[in-house]
Full PDB file with SEQRES, HELIX, SHEET, SSBOND, CRYST1, ORIGX, SCALE, CONECT and MASTER records, all heavy atoms in Angstrom:
SEQRES   1 A   43  THR VAL ARG SER PRO LEU TRP ASN GLU PHE ASP ARG SER          
SEQRES   2 A   43  VAL GLN PRO ASP GLU ALA LEU LEU ALA GLY PHE GLN ALA          
SEQRES   3 A   43  ALA ALA PRO GLY TYR GLU ALA GLN VAL GLN MET LEU TRP          
SEQRES   4 A   43  GLU HIS ILE SER                                              
HELIX    1 AA1 LEU A    6  ARG A   12  1                                   7    
HELIX    2 AA2 ASP A   17  ALA A   26  1                                  10    
HELIX    3 AA3 GLU A   32  GLU A   40  1                                   9    
CRYST1    1.000    1.000    1.000  90.00  90.00  90.00 P 1           1          
ORIGX1      1.000000  0.000000  0.000000        0.00000                         
ORIGX2      0.000000  1.000000  0.000000        0.00000                         
ORIGX3      0.000000  0.000000  1.000000        0.00000                         
SCALE1      1.000000  0.000000  0.000000        0.00000                         
SCALE2      0.000000  1.000000  0.000000        0.00000                         
SCALE3      0.000000  0.000000  1.000000        0.00000                         
ATOM      1  N   THR A   1     -51.085 -38.406-186.776  1.00  0.00           N  
ATOM      2  CA  THR A   1     -51.675 -37.835-185.584  1.00  0.00           C  
ATOM      3  C   THR A   1     -51.355 -36.350-185.460  1.00  0.00           C  
ATOM      4  O   THR A   1     -52.045 -35.519-186.001  1.00  0.00           O  
ATOM      5  CB  THR A   1     -51.232 -38.630-184.352  1.00  0.00           C  
ATOM      6  OG1 THR A   1     -49.756 -38.614-184.289  1.00  0.00           O  
ATOM      7  CG2 THR A   1     -51.713 -40.059-184.413  1.00  0.00           C  
ATOM      8  N   VAL A   2     -50.296 -36.009-184.725  1.00  0.00           N  
ATOM      9  CA  VAL A   2     -50.042 -34.612-184.375  1.00  0.00           C  
ATOM     10  C   VAL A   2     -49.746 -33.724-185.570  1.00  0.00           C  
ATOM     11  O   VAL A   2     -49.948 -32.550-185.527  1.00  0.00           O  
ATOM     12  CB  VAL A   2     -48.874 -34.515-183.336  1.00  0.00           C  
ATOM     13  CG1 VAL A   2     -49.300 -35.072-182.008  1.00  0.00           C  
ATOM     14  CG2 VAL A   2     -47.608 -35.186-183.861  1.00  0.00           C  
ATOM     15  N   ARG A   3     -49.228 -34.283-186.659  1.00  0.00           N  
ATOM     16  CA  ARG A   3     -48.958 -33.484-187.844  1.00  0.00           C  
ATOM     17  C   ARG A   3     -50.093 -33.474-188.841  1.00  0.00           C  
ATOM     18  O   ARG A   3     -50.045 -32.850-189.905  1.00  0.00           O  
ATOM     19  CB  ARG A   3     -47.722 -34.031-188.552  1.00  0.00           C  
ATOM     20  CG  ARG A   3     -46.429 -33.875-187.829  1.00  0.00           C  
ATOM     21  CD  ARG A   3     -45.268 -34.587-188.623  1.00  0.00           C  
ATOM     22  NE  ARG A   3     -43.982 -34.497-187.982  1.00  0.00           N  
ATOM     23  CZ  ARG A   3     -42.965 -35.266-188.278  1.00  0.00           C  
ATOM     24  NH1 ARG A   3     -43.093 -36.197-189.191  1.00  0.00           N  
ATOM     25  NH2 ARG A   3     -41.799 -35.106-187.661  1.00  0.00           N  
ATOM     26  N   SER A   4     -51.193 -34.167-188.506  1.00  0.00           N  
ATOM     27  CA  SER A   4     -52.270 -34.321-189.389  1.00  0.00           C  
ATOM     28  C   SER A   4     -53.427 -33.333-189.141  1.00  0.00           C  
ATOM     29  O   SER A   4     -53.614 -32.932-188.001  1.00  0.00           O  
ATOM     30  CB  SER A   4     -52.842 -35.746-189.254  1.00  0.00           C  
ATOM     31  OG  SER A   4     -54.105 -35.862-189.904  1.00  0.00           O  
ATOM     32  N   PRO A   5     -54.191 -32.948-190.150  1.00  0.00           N  
ATOM     33  CA  PRO A   5     -55.357 -32.100-189.944  1.00  0.00           C  
ATOM     34  C   PRO A   5     -56.353 -32.787-188.997  1.00  0.00           C  
ATOM     35  O   PRO A   5     -57.160 -32.127-188.377  1.00  0.00           O  
ATOM     36  CB  PRO A   5     -55.993 -31.928-191.350  1.00  0.00           C  
ATOM     37  CG  PRO A   5     -54.861 -32.154-192.280  1.00  0.00           C  
ATOM     38  CD  PRO A   5     -53.924 -33.182-191.618  1.00  0.00           C  
ATOM     39  N   LEU A   6     -56.267 -34.097-188.865  1.00  0.00           N  
ATOM     40  CA  LEU A   6     -57.123 -34.829-187.941  1.00  0.00           C  
ATOM     41  C   LEU A   6     -56.934 -34.381-186.521  1.00  0.00           C  
ATOM     42  O   LEU A   6     -57.843 -34.516-185.689  1.00  0.00           O  
ATOM     43  CB  LEU A   6     -56.885 -36.353-188.061  1.00  0.00           C  
ATOM     44  CG  LEU A   6     -57.282 -37.033-189.362  1.00  0.00           C  
ATOM     45  CD1 LEU A   6     -56.817 -38.493-189.363  1.00  0.00           C  
ATOM     46  CD2 LEU A   6     -58.795 -36.993-189.571  1.00  0.00           C  
ATOM     47  N   TRP A   7     -55.746 -33.858-186.241  1.00  0.00           N  
ATOM     48  CA  TRP A   7     -55.465 -33.401-184.837  1.00  0.00           C  
ATOM     49  C   TRP A   7     -56.370 -32.261-184.414  1.00  0.00           C  
ATOM     50  O   TRP A   7     -56.765 -32.158-183.261  1.00  0.00           O  
ATOM     51  CB  TRP A   7     -54.016 -33.010-184.696  1.00  0.00           C  
ATOM     52  CG  TRP A   7     -53.546 -32.981-183.257  1.00  0.00           C  
ATOM     53  CD1 TRP A   7     -53.382 -31.881-182.477  1.00  0.00           C  
ATOM     54  CD2 TRP A   7     -53.231 -34.109-182.446  1.00  0.00           C  
ATOM     55  NE1 TRP A   7     -52.995 -32.266-181.202  1.00  0.00           N  
ATOM     56  CE2 TRP A   7     -52.883 -33.643-181.191  1.00  0.00           C  
ATOM     57  CE3 TRP A   7     -53.232 -35.493-182.642  1.00  0.00           C  
ATOM     58  CZ2 TRP A   7     -52.522 -34.460-180.079  1.00  0.00           C  
ATOM     59  CZ3 TRP A   7     -52.892 -36.344-181.602  1.00  0.00           C  
ATOM     60  CH2 TRP A   7     -52.540 -35.828-180.308  1.00  0.00           C  
ATOM     61  N   ASN A   8     -56.728 -31.410-185.371  1.00  0.00           N  
ATOM     62  CA  ASN A   8     -57.686 -30.350-185.088  1.00  0.00           C  
ATOM     63  C   ASN A   8     -59.026 -30.928-184.689  1.00  0.00           C  
ATOM     64  O   ASN A   8     -59.700 -30.402-183.787  1.00  0.00           O  
ATOM     65  CB  ASN A   8     -57.885 -29.464-186.297  1.00  0.00           C  
ATOM     66  CG  ASN A   8     -56.696 -28.537-186.542  1.00  0.00           C  
ATOM     67  OD1 ASN A   8     -55.955 -28.198-185.615  1.00  0.00           O  
ATOM     68  ND2 ASN A   8     -56.488 -28.103-187.802  1.00  0.00           N  
ATOM     69  N   GLU A   9     -59.426 -32.023-185.353  1.00  0.00           N  
ATOM     70  CA  GLU A   9     -60.711 -32.615-185.022  1.00  0.00           C  
ATOM     71  C   GLU A   9     -60.634 -33.353-183.656  1.00  0.00           C  
ATOM     72  O   GLU A   9     -61.565 -33.447-182.892  1.00  0.00           O  
ATOM     73  CB  GLU A   9     -61.152 -33.604-186.089  1.00  0.00           C  
ATOM     74  CG  GLU A   9     -61.399 -32.952-187.455  1.00  0.00           C  
ATOM     75  CD  GLU A   9     -62.208 -31.659-187.277  1.00  0.00           C  
ATOM     76  OE1 GLU A   9     -63.325 -31.710-186.680  1.00  0.00           O  
ATOM     77  OE2 GLU A   9     -61.759 -30.595-187.762  1.00  0.00           O  
ATOM     78  N   PHE A  10     -59.440 -33.803-183.318  1.00  0.00           N  
ATOM     79  CA  PHE A  10     -59.179 -34.390-181.986  1.00  0.00           C  
ATOM     80  C   PHE A  10     -59.378 -33.288-180.920  1.00  0.00           C  
ATOM     81  O   PHE A  10     -60.065 -33.487-179.927  1.00  0.00           O  
ATOM     82  CB  PHE A  10     -57.754 -34.940-181.941  1.00  0.00           C  
ATOM     83  CG  PHE A  10     -57.396 -35.621-180.658  1.00  0.00           C  
ATOM     84  CD1 PHE A  10     -58.185 -36.595-180.051  1.00  0.00           C  
ATOM     85  CD2 PHE A  10     -56.168 -35.271-180.010  1.00  0.00           C  
ATOM     86  CE1 PHE A  10     -57.786 -37.209-178.910  1.00  0.00           C  
ATOM     87  CE2 PHE A  10     -55.781 -35.914-178.891  1.00  0.00           C  
ATOM     88  CZ  PHE A  10     -56.608 -36.842-178.293  1.00  0.00           C  
ATOM     89  N   ASP A  11     -58.811 -32.118-181.162  1.00  0.00           N  
ATOM     90  CA  ASP A  11     -59.001 -30.964-180.224  1.00  0.00           C  
ATOM     91  C   ASP A  11     -60.492 -30.568-180.177  1.00  0.00           C  
ATOM     92  O   ASP A  11     -60.963 -30.163-179.139  1.00  0.00           O  
ATOM     93  CB  ASP A  11     -58.147 -29.797-180.662  1.00  0.00           C  
ATOM     94  CG  ASP A  11     -56.690 -29.961-180.241  1.00  0.00           C  
ATOM     95  OD1 ASP A  11     -56.382 -30.773-179.383  1.00  0.00           O  
ATOM     96  OD2 ASP A  11     -55.840 -29.220-180.844  1.00  0.00           O  
ATOM     97  N   ARG A  12     -61.173 -30.632-181.281  1.00  0.00           N  
ATOM     98  CA  ARG A  12     -62.562 -30.281-181.326  1.00  0.00           C  
ATOM     99  C   ARG A  12     -63.417 -31.255-180.546  1.00  0.00           C  
ATOM    100  O   ARG A  12     -64.318 -30.929-179.864  1.00  0.00           O  
ATOM    101  CB  ARG A  12     -63.067 -30.171-182.776  1.00  0.00           C  
ATOM    102  CG  ARG A  12     -64.342 -29.423-182.970  1.00  0.00           C  
ATOM    103  CD  ARG A  12     -64.812 -29.542-184.433  1.00  0.00           C  
ATOM    104  NE  ARG A  12     -63.841 -28.996-185.386  1.00  0.00           N  
ATOM    105  CZ  ARG A  12     -63.701 -27.750-185.661  1.00  0.00           C  
ATOM    106  NH1 ARG A  12     -64.557 -26.842-185.139  1.00  0.00           N  
ATOM    107  NH2 ARG A  12     -62.847 -27.320-186.583  1.00  0.00           N  
ATOM    108  N   SER A  13     -63.080 -32.517-180.703  1.00  0.00           N  
ATOM    109  CA  SER A  13     -63.697 -33.630-179.934  1.00  0.00           C  
ATOM    110  C   SER A  13     -65.227 -33.704-180.080  1.00  0.00           C  
ATOM    111  O   SER A  13     -65.925 -34.059-179.147  1.00  0.00           O  
ATOM    112  CB  SER A  13     -63.303 -33.575-178.421  1.00  0.00           C  
ATOM    113  OG  SER A  13     -61.922 -33.855-178.291  1.00  0.00           O  
ATOM    114  N   VAL A  14     -65.715 -33.390-181.268  1.00  0.00           N  
ATOM    115  CA  VAL A  14     -67.118 -33.551-181.519  1.00  0.00           C  
ATOM    116  C   VAL A  14     -67.453 -35.031-181.716  1.00  0.00           C  
ATOM    117  O   VAL A  14     -68.513 -35.509-181.252  1.00  0.00           O  
ATOM    118  CB  VAL A  14     -67.548 -32.735-182.742  1.00  0.00           C  
ATOM    119  CG1 VAL A  14     -69.010 -33.073-183.171  1.00  0.00           C  
ATOM    120  CG2 VAL A  14     -67.443 -31.247-182.444  1.00  0.00           C  
ATOM    121  N   GLN A  15     -66.554 -35.761-182.371  1.00  0.00           N  
ATOM    122  CA  GLN A  15     -66.757 -37.172-182.607  1.00  0.00           C  
ATOM    123  C   GLN A  15     -66.370 -37.955-181.333  1.00  0.00           C  
ATOM    124  O   GLN A  15     -65.588 -37.506-180.487  1.00  0.00           O  
ATOM    125  CB  GLN A  15     -65.858 -37.649-183.728  1.00  0.00           C  
ATOM    126  CG  GLN A  15     -66.048 -36.987-185.061  1.00  0.00           C  
ATOM    127  CD  GLN A  15     -64.988 -37.460-186.086  1.00  0.00           C  
ATOM    128  OE1 GLN A  15     -64.831 -38.628-186.255  1.00  0.00           O  
ATOM    129  NE2 GLN A  15     -64.330 -36.524-186.712  1.00  0.00           N  
ATOM    130  N   PRO A  16     -66.950 -39.156-181.162  1.00  0.00           N  
ATOM    131  CA  PRO A  16     -66.572 -40.020-180.043  1.00  0.00           C  
ATOM    132  C   PRO A  16     -65.089 -40.385-180.143  1.00  0.00           C  
ATOM    133  O   PRO A  16     -64.472 -40.420-181.208  1.00  0.00           O  
ATOM    134  CB  PRO A  16     -67.431 -41.261-180.185  1.00  0.00           C  
ATOM    135  CG  PRO A  16     -68.545 -40.870-181.145  1.00  0.00           C  
ATOM    136  CD  PRO A  16     -67.975 -39.769-182.031  1.00  0.00           C  
ATOM    137  N   ASP A  17     -64.490 -40.626-178.983  1.00  0.00           N  
ATOM    138  CA  ASP A  17     -63.091 -40.986-178.929  1.00  0.00           C  
ATOM    139  C   ASP A  17     -62.718 -42.186-179.819  1.00  0.00           C  
ATOM    140  O   ASP A  17     -61.694 -42.234-180.462  1.00  0.00           O  
ATOM    141  CB  ASP A  17     -62.596 -41.286-177.514  1.00  0.00           C  
ATOM    142  CG  ASP A  17     -62.449 -40.020-176.700  1.00  0.00           C  
ATOM    143  OD1 ASP A  17     -62.572 -38.935-177.255  1.00  0.00           O  
ATOM    144  OD2 ASP A  17     -62.144 -40.123-175.496  1.00  0.00           O  
ATOM    145  N   GLU A  18     -63.683 -43.135-179.892  1.00  0.00           N  
ATOM    146  CA  GLU A  18     -63.402 -44.305-180.684  1.00  0.00           C  
ATOM    147  C   GLU A  18     -63.260 -43.979-182.172  1.00  0.00           C  
ATOM    148  O   GLU A  18     -62.385 -44.520-182.895  1.00  0.00           O  
ATOM    149  CB  GLU A  18     -64.554 -45.350-180.523  1.00  0.00           C  
ATOM    150  CG  GLU A  18     -64.666 -45.894-179.120  1.00  0.00           C  
ATOM    151  CD  GLU A  18     -65.365 -44.925-178.135  1.00  0.00           C  
ATOM    152  OE1 GLU A  18     -65.909 -43.933-178.603  1.00  0.00           O  
ATOM    153  OE2 GLU A  18     -65.346 -45.279-176.907  1.00  0.00           O  
ATOM    154  N   ALA A  19     -64.085 -43.029-182.628  1.00  0.00           N  
ATOM    155  CA  ALA A  19     -64.033 -42.619-184.029  1.00  0.00           C  
ATOM    156  C   ALA A  19     -62.735 -41.805-184.311  1.00  0.00           C  
ATOM    157  O   ALA A  19     -62.152 -41.944-185.385  1.00  0.00           O  
ATOM    158  CB  ALA A  19     -65.268 -41.761-184.354  1.00  0.00           C  
ATOM    159  N   LEU A  20     -62.326 -40.999-183.349  1.00  0.00           N  
ATOM    160  CA  LEU A  20     -61.106 -40.241-183.509  1.00  0.00           C  
ATOM    161  C   LEU A  20     -59.880 -41.172-183.593  1.00  0.00           C  
ATOM    162  O   LEU A  20     -59.019 -41.012-184.441  1.00  0.00           O  
ATOM    163  CB  LEU A  20     -60.925 -39.278-182.356  1.00  0.00           C  
ATOM    164  CG  LEU A  20     -62.011 -38.127-182.331  1.00  0.00           C  
ATOM    165  CD1 LEU A  20     -61.993 -37.472-180.933  1.00  0.00           C  
ATOM    166  CD2 LEU A  20     -61.697 -37.121-183.419  1.00  0.00           C  
ATOM    167  N   LEU A  21     -59.836 -42.161-182.706  1.00  0.00           N  
ATOM    168  CA  LEU A  21     -58.753 -43.108-182.753  1.00  0.00           C  
ATOM    169  C   LEU A  21     -58.800 -43.868-184.063  1.00  0.00           C  
ATOM    170  O   LEU A  21     -57.734 -44.071-184.715  1.00  0.00           O  
ATOM    171  CB  LEU A  21     -58.901 -44.136-181.579  1.00  0.00           C  
ATOM    172  CG  LEU A  21     -57.922 -45.308-181.582  1.00  0.00           C  
ATOM    173  CD1 LEU A  21     -56.460 -44.824-181.644  1.00  0.00           C  
ATOM    174  CD2 LEU A  21     -58.150 -46.169-180.432  1.00  0.00           C  
ATOM    175  N   ALA A  22     -59.943 -44.289-184.519  1.00  0.00           N  
ATOM    176  CA  ALA A  22     -60.031 -44.999-185.782  1.00  0.00           C  
ATOM    177  C   ALA A  22     -59.560 -44.162-186.937  1.00  0.00           C  
ATOM    178  O   ALA A  22     -58.887 -44.675-187.907  1.00  0.00           O  
ATOM    179  CB  ALA A  22     -61.491 -45.470-186.013  1.00  0.00           C  
ATOM    180  N   GLY A  23     -59.783 -42.859-186.929  1.00  0.00           N  
ATOM    181  CA  GLY A  23     -59.335 -41.983-187.934  1.00  0.00           C  
ATOM    182  C   GLY A  23     -57.844 -41.877-187.981  1.00  0.00           C  
ATOM    183  O   GLY A  23     -57.211 -41.897-189.107  1.00  0.00           O  
ATOM    184  N   PHE A  24     -57.204 -41.784-186.823  1.00  0.00           N  
ATOM    185  CA  PHE A  24     -55.725 -41.764-186.716  1.00  0.00           C  
ATOM    186  C   PHE A  24     -55.152 -43.087-187.298  1.00  0.00           C  
ATOM    187  O   PHE A  24     -54.195 -43.053-188.031  1.00  0.00           O  
ATOM    188  CB  PHE A  24     -55.285 -41.531-185.310  1.00  0.00           C  
ATOM    189  CG  PHE A  24     -55.532 -40.170-184.724  1.00  0.00           C  
ATOM    190  CD1 PHE A  24     -55.935 -40.018-183.444  1.00  0.00           C  
ATOM    191  CD2 PHE A  24     -55.350 -39.060-185.512  1.00  0.00           C  
ATOM    192  CE1 PHE A  24     -56.118 -38.736-182.871  1.00  0.00           C  
ATOM    193  CE2 PHE A  24     -55.568 -37.772-185.028  1.00  0.00           C  
ATOM    194  CZ  PHE A  24     -56.000 -37.631-183.672  1.00  0.00           C  
ATOM    195  N   GLN A  25     -55.793 -44.208-186.935  1.00  0.00           N  
ATOM    196  CA  GLN A  25     -55.277 -45.488-187.363  1.00  0.00           C  
ATOM    197  C   GLN A  25     -55.415 -45.630-188.849  1.00  0.00           C  
ATOM    198  O   GLN A  25     -54.540 -46.208-189.538  1.00  0.00           O  
ATOM    199  CB  GLN A  25     -55.963 -46.580-186.611  1.00  0.00           C  
ATOM    200  CG  GLN A  25     -55.548 -46.657-185.143  1.00  0.00           C  
ATOM    201  CD  GLN A  25     -56.290 -47.703-184.370  1.00  0.00           C  
ATOM    202  OE1 GLN A  25     -57.491 -47.878-184.481  1.00  0.00           O  
ATOM    203  NE2 GLN A  25     -55.565 -48.469-183.526  1.00  0.00           N  
ATOM    204  N   ALA A  26     -56.538 -45.175-189.413  1.00  0.00           N  
ATOM    205  CA  ALA A  26     -56.747 -45.256-190.850  1.00  0.00           C  
ATOM    206  C   ALA A  26     -55.730 -44.457-191.632  1.00  0.00           C  
ATOM    207  O   ALA A  26     -55.448 -44.776-192.803  1.00  0.00           O  
ATOM    208  CB  ALA A  26     -58.180 -44.817-191.199  1.00  0.00           C  
ATOM    209  N   ALA A  27     -55.192 -43.430-190.976  1.00  0.00           N  
ATOM    210  CA  ALA A  27     -54.205 -42.580-191.651  1.00  0.00           C  
ATOM    211  C   ALA A  27     -52.786 -43.169-191.580  1.00  0.00           C  
ATOM    212  O   ALA A  27     -51.848 -42.592-192.118  1.00  0.00           O  
ATOM    213  CB  ALA A  27     -54.253 -41.158-191.005  1.00  0.00           C  
ATOM    214  N   ALA A  28     -52.685 -44.276-190.892  1.00  0.00           N  
ATOM    215  CA  ALA A  28     -51.330 -44.942-190.730  1.00  0.00           C  
ATOM    216  C   ALA A  28     -51.446 -46.423-190.991  1.00  0.00           C  
ATOM    217  O   ALA A  28     -51.289 -47.215-190.106  1.00  0.00           O  
ATOM    218  CB  ALA A  28     -50.783 -44.668-189.352  1.00  0.00           C  
ATOM    219  N   PRO A  29     -51.794 -46.820-192.222  1.00  0.00           N  
ATOM    220  CA  PRO A  29     -51.926 -48.252-192.517  1.00  0.00           C  
ATOM    221  C   PRO A  29     -50.677 -49.041-192.202  1.00  0.00           C  
ATOM    222  O   PRO A  29     -49.578 -48.581-192.591  1.00  0.00           O  
ATOM    223  CB  PRO A  29     -52.224 -48.304-194.043  1.00  0.00           C  
ATOM    224  CG  PRO A  29     -52.355 -46.898-194.487  1.00  0.00           C  
ATOM    225  CD  PRO A  29     -51.969 -45.976-193.363  1.00  0.00           C  
ATOM    226  N   GLY A  30     -50.816 -50.112-191.499  1.00  0.00           N  
ATOM    227  CA  GLY A  30     -49.720 -50.903-191.091  1.00  0.00           C  
ATOM    228  C   GLY A  30     -49.120 -50.510-189.754  1.00  0.00           C  
ATOM    229  O   GLY A  30     -48.291 -51.249-189.180  1.00  0.00           O  
ATOM    230  N   TYR A  31     -49.548 -49.352-189.219  1.00  0.00           N  
ATOM    231  CA  TYR A  31     -49.021 -48.881-187.941  1.00  0.00           C  
ATOM    232  C   TYR A  31     -50.174 -48.656-186.916  1.00  0.00           C  
ATOM    233  O   TYR A  31     -50.052 -47.853-186.001  1.00  0.00           O  
ATOM    234  CB  TYR A  31     -48.290 -47.574-188.119  1.00  0.00           C  
ATOM    235  CG  TYR A  31     -47.051 -47.724-188.951  1.00  0.00           C  
ATOM    236  CD1 TYR A  31     -47.100 -47.392-190.351  1.00  0.00           C  
ATOM    237  CD2 TYR A  31     -45.856 -48.198-188.467  1.00  0.00           C  
ATOM    238  CE1 TYR A  31     -45.969 -47.561-191.176  1.00  0.00           C  
ATOM    239  CE2 TYR A  31     -44.720 -48.324-189.277  1.00  0.00           C  
ATOM    240  CZ  TYR A  31     -44.819 -48.004-190.589  1.00  0.00           C  
ATOM    241  OH  TYR A  31     -43.673 -48.156-191.399  1.00  0.00           O  
ATOM    242  N   GLU A  32     -51.253 -49.417-187.090  1.00  0.00           N  
ATOM    243  CA  GLU A  32     -52.426 -49.244-186.209  1.00  0.00           C  
ATOM    244  C   GLU A  32     -52.082 -49.478-184.759  1.00  0.00           C  
ATOM    245  O   GLU A  32     -52.498 -48.783-183.878  1.00  0.00           O  
ATOM    246  CB  GLU A  32     -53.581 -50.169-186.666  1.00  0.00           C  
ATOM    247  CG  GLU A  32     -54.180 -49.816-187.983  1.00  0.00           C  
ATOM    248  CD  GLU A  32     -53.503 -50.406-189.175  1.00  0.00           C  
ATOM    249  OE1 GLU A  32     -52.394 -51.048-188.959  1.00  0.00           O  
ATOM    250  OE2 GLU A  32     -53.962 -50.311-190.323  1.00  0.00           O  
ATOM    251  N   ALA A  33     -51.253 -50.529-184.505  1.00  0.00           N  
ATOM    252  CA  ALA A  33     -50.873 -50.841-183.149  1.00  0.00           C  
ATOM    253  C   ALA A  33     -50.042 -49.727-182.485  1.00  0.00           C  
ATOM    254  O   ALA A  33     -50.187 -49.435-181.310  1.00  0.00           O  
ATOM    255  CB  ALA A  33     -50.117 -52.185-183.100  1.00  0.00           C  
ATOM    256  N   GLN A  34     -49.161 -49.156-183.280  1.00  0.00           N  
ATOM    257  CA  GLN A  34     -48.325 -48.044-182.803  1.00  0.00           C  
ATOM    258  C   GLN A  34     -49.162 -46.815-182.453  1.00  0.00           C  
ATOM    259  O   GLN A  34     -48.890 -46.106-181.485  1.00  0.00           O  
ATOM    260  CB  GLN A  34     -47.226 -47.745-183.806  1.00  0.00           C  
ATOM    261  CG  GLN A  34     -46.130 -48.797-183.879  1.00  0.00           C  
ATOM    262  CD  GLN A  34     -46.462 -49.957-184.833  1.00  0.00           C  
ATOM    263  OE1 GLN A  34     -47.616 -50.044-185.308  1.00  0.00           O  
ATOM    264  NE2 GLN A  34     -45.515 -50.778-185.093  1.00  0.00           N  
ATOM    265  N   VAL A  35     -50.163 -46.534-183.310  1.00  0.00           N  
ATOM    266  CA  VAL A  35     -51.059 -45.390-183.055  1.00  0.00           C  
ATOM    267  C   VAL A  35     -51.818 -45.667-181.743  1.00  0.00           C  
ATOM    268  O   VAL A  35     -52.011 -44.759-180.923  1.00  0.00           O  
ATOM    269  CB  VAL A  35     -51.978 -45.204-184.246  1.00  0.00           C  
ATOM    270  CG1 VAL A  35     -53.070 -44.169-183.866  1.00  0.00           C  
ATOM    271  CG2 VAL A  35     -51.220 -44.721-185.468  1.00  0.00           C  
ATOM    272  N   GLN A  36     -52.242 -46.882-181.570  1.00  0.00           N  
ATOM    273  CA  GLN A  36     -52.919 -47.267-180.311  1.00  0.00           C  
ATOM    274  C   GLN A  36     -52.008 -47.035-179.120  1.00  0.00           C  
ATOM    275  O   GLN A  36     -52.476 -46.518-178.074  1.00  0.00           O  
ATOM    276  CB  GLN A  36     -53.334 -48.728-180.382  1.00  0.00           C  
ATOM    277  CG  GLN A  36     -53.984 -49.247-179.091  1.00  0.00           C  
ATOM    278  CD  GLN A  36     -55.420 -48.788-178.941  1.00  0.00           C  
ATOM    279  OE1 GLN A  36     -56.203 -48.832-179.879  1.00  0.00           O  
ATOM    280  NE2 GLN A  36     -55.773 -48.345-177.715  1.00  0.00           N  
ATOM    281  N   MET A  37     -50.729 -47.340-179.253  1.00  0.00           N  
ATOM    282  CA  MET A  37     -49.813 -47.117-178.116  1.00  0.00           C  
ATOM    283  C   MET A  37     -49.687 -45.633-177.823  1.00  0.00           C  
ATOM    284  O   MET A  37     -49.683 -45.214-176.644  1.00  0.00           O  
ATOM    285  CB  MET A  37     -48.444 -47.678-178.490  1.00  0.00           C  
ATOM    286  CG  MET A  37     -48.390 -49.216-178.512  1.00  0.00           C  
ATOM    287  SD  MET A  37     -46.795 -49.826-179.124  1.00  0.00           S  
ATOM    288  CE  MET A  37     -45.741 -49.351-177.771  1.00  0.00           C  
ATOM    289  N   LEU A  38     -49.617 -44.792-178.870  1.00  0.00           N  
ATOM    290  CA  LEU A  38     -49.553 -43.344-178.632  1.00  0.00           C  
ATOM    291  C   LEU A  38     -50.839 -42.909-177.929  1.00  0.00           C  
ATOM    292  O   LEU A  38     -50.780 -42.091-176.981  1.00  0.00           O  
ATOM    293  CB  LEU A  38     -49.365 -42.573-179.948  1.00  0.00           C  
ATOM    294  CG  LEU A  38     -49.439 -41.067-179.840  1.00  0.00           C  
ATOM    295  CD1 LEU A  38     -48.350 -40.531-178.884  1.00  0.00           C  
ATOM    296  CD2 LEU A  38     -49.368 -40.414-181.203  1.00  0.00           C  
ATOM    297  N   TRP A  39     -51.989 -43.376-178.402  1.00  0.00           N  
ATOM    298  CA  TRP A  39     -53.305 -43.012-177.803  1.00  0.00           C  
ATOM    299  C   TRP A  39     -53.288 -43.339-176.322  1.00  0.00           C  
ATOM    300  O   TRP A  39     -53.869 -42.555-175.514  1.00  0.00           O  
ATOM    301  CB  TRP A  39     -54.372 -43.835-178.482  1.00  0.00           C  
ATOM    302  CG  TRP A  39     -55.775 -43.590-178.072  1.00  0.00           C  
ATOM    303  CD1 TRP A  39     -56.501 -44.335-177.180  1.00  0.00           C  
ATOM    304  CD2 TRP A  39     -56.618 -42.542-178.555  1.00  0.00           C  
ATOM    305  NE1 TRP A  39     -57.755 -43.845-177.070  1.00  0.00           N  
ATOM    306  CE2 TRP A  39     -57.860 -42.752-177.849  1.00  0.00           C  
ATOM    307  CE3 TRP A  39     -56.507 -41.511-179.412  1.00  0.00           C  
ATOM    308  CZ2 TRP A  39     -58.964 -41.882-178.057  1.00  0.00           C  
ATOM    309  CZ3 TRP A  39     -57.559 -40.663-179.626  1.00  0.00           C  
ATOM    310  CH2 TRP A  39     -58.771 -40.860-178.949  1.00  0.00           C  
ATOM    311  N   GLU A  40     -52.615 -44.359-175.909  1.00  0.00           N  
ATOM    312  CA  GLU A  40     -52.599 -44.730-174.518  1.00  0.00           C  
ATOM    313  C   GLU A  40     -51.571 -43.937-173.703  1.00  0.00           C  
ATOM    314  O   GLU A  40     -51.576 -44.006-172.438  1.00  0.00           O  
ATOM    315  CB  GLU A  40     -52.323 -46.261-174.386  1.00  0.00           C  
ATOM    316  CG  GLU A  40     -53.436 -47.102-174.926  1.00  0.00           C  
ATOM    317  CD  GLU A  40     -53.095 -48.578-175.088  1.00  0.00           C  
ATOM    318  OE1 GLU A  40     -51.933 -48.905-174.718  1.00  0.00           O  
ATOM    319  OE2 GLU A  40     -53.970 -49.313-175.520  1.00  0.00           O  
ATOM    320  N   HIS A  41     -50.707 -43.187-174.412  1.00  0.00           N  
ATOM    321  CA  HIS A  41     -49.662 -42.431-173.720  1.00  0.00           C  
ATOM    322  C   HIS A  41     -49.787 -40.950-174.019  1.00  0.00           C  
ATOM    323  O   HIS A  41     -48.763 -40.238-173.914  1.00  0.00           O  
ATOM    324  CB  HIS A  41     -48.279 -42.946-174.126  1.00  0.00           C  
ATOM    325  CG  HIS A  41     -47.972 -44.357-173.579  1.00  0.00           C  
ATOM    326  ND1 HIS A  41     -48.386 -45.488-174.191  1.00  0.00           N  
ATOM    327  CD2 HIS A  41     -47.329 -44.733-172.454  1.00  0.00           C  
ATOM    328  CE1 HIS A  41     -47.971 -46.525-173.503  1.00  0.00           C  
ATOM    329  NE2 HIS A  41     -47.354 -46.058-172.422  1.00  0.00           N  
ATOM    330  N   ILE A  42     -50.947 -40.497-174.335  1.00  0.00           N  
ATOM    331  CA  ILE A  42     -51.082 -39.035-174.711  1.00  0.00           C  
ATOM    332  C   ILE A  42     -50.708 -38.162-173.566  1.00  0.00           C  
ATOM    333  O   ILE A  42     -50.178 -37.056-173.777  1.00  0.00           O  
ATOM    334  CB  ILE A  42     -52.518 -38.813-175.197  1.00  0.00           C  
ATOM    335  CG1 ILE A  42     -52.615 -39.230-176.683  1.00  0.00           C  
ATOM    336  CG2 ILE A  42     -52.961 -37.339-175.036  1.00  0.00           C  
ATOM    337  CD1 ILE A  42     -53.986 -39.140-177.245  1.00  0.00           C  
ATOM    338  N   SER A  43     -50.914 -38.553-172.347  1.00  0.00           N  
ATOM    339  CA  SER A  43     -50.611 -37.721-171.180  1.00  0.00           C  
ATOM    340  C   SER A  43     -49.105 -37.370-171.175  1.00  0.00           C  
ATOM    341  O   SER A  43     -48.727 -36.276-170.634  1.00  0.00           O  
ATOM    342  CB  SER A  43     -51.009 -38.338-169.899  1.00  0.00           C  
ATOM    343  OG  SER A  43     -50.376 -39.572-169.690  1.00  0.00           O  
TER     344      SER A  43                                                      
MASTER        0    0    0    3    0    0    0    6  343    1    0    4          
END                                                                             
């Protein structure tokens, strides 16, 4: 997430949020649930 180049695309937000979340989860195989938890606590 935050250390990944994908974070720039998150800031750009051209893609739908669902696609951005899926991209983060795909970059962390086996940790999809944990990435979801971060997504819910971004604030």
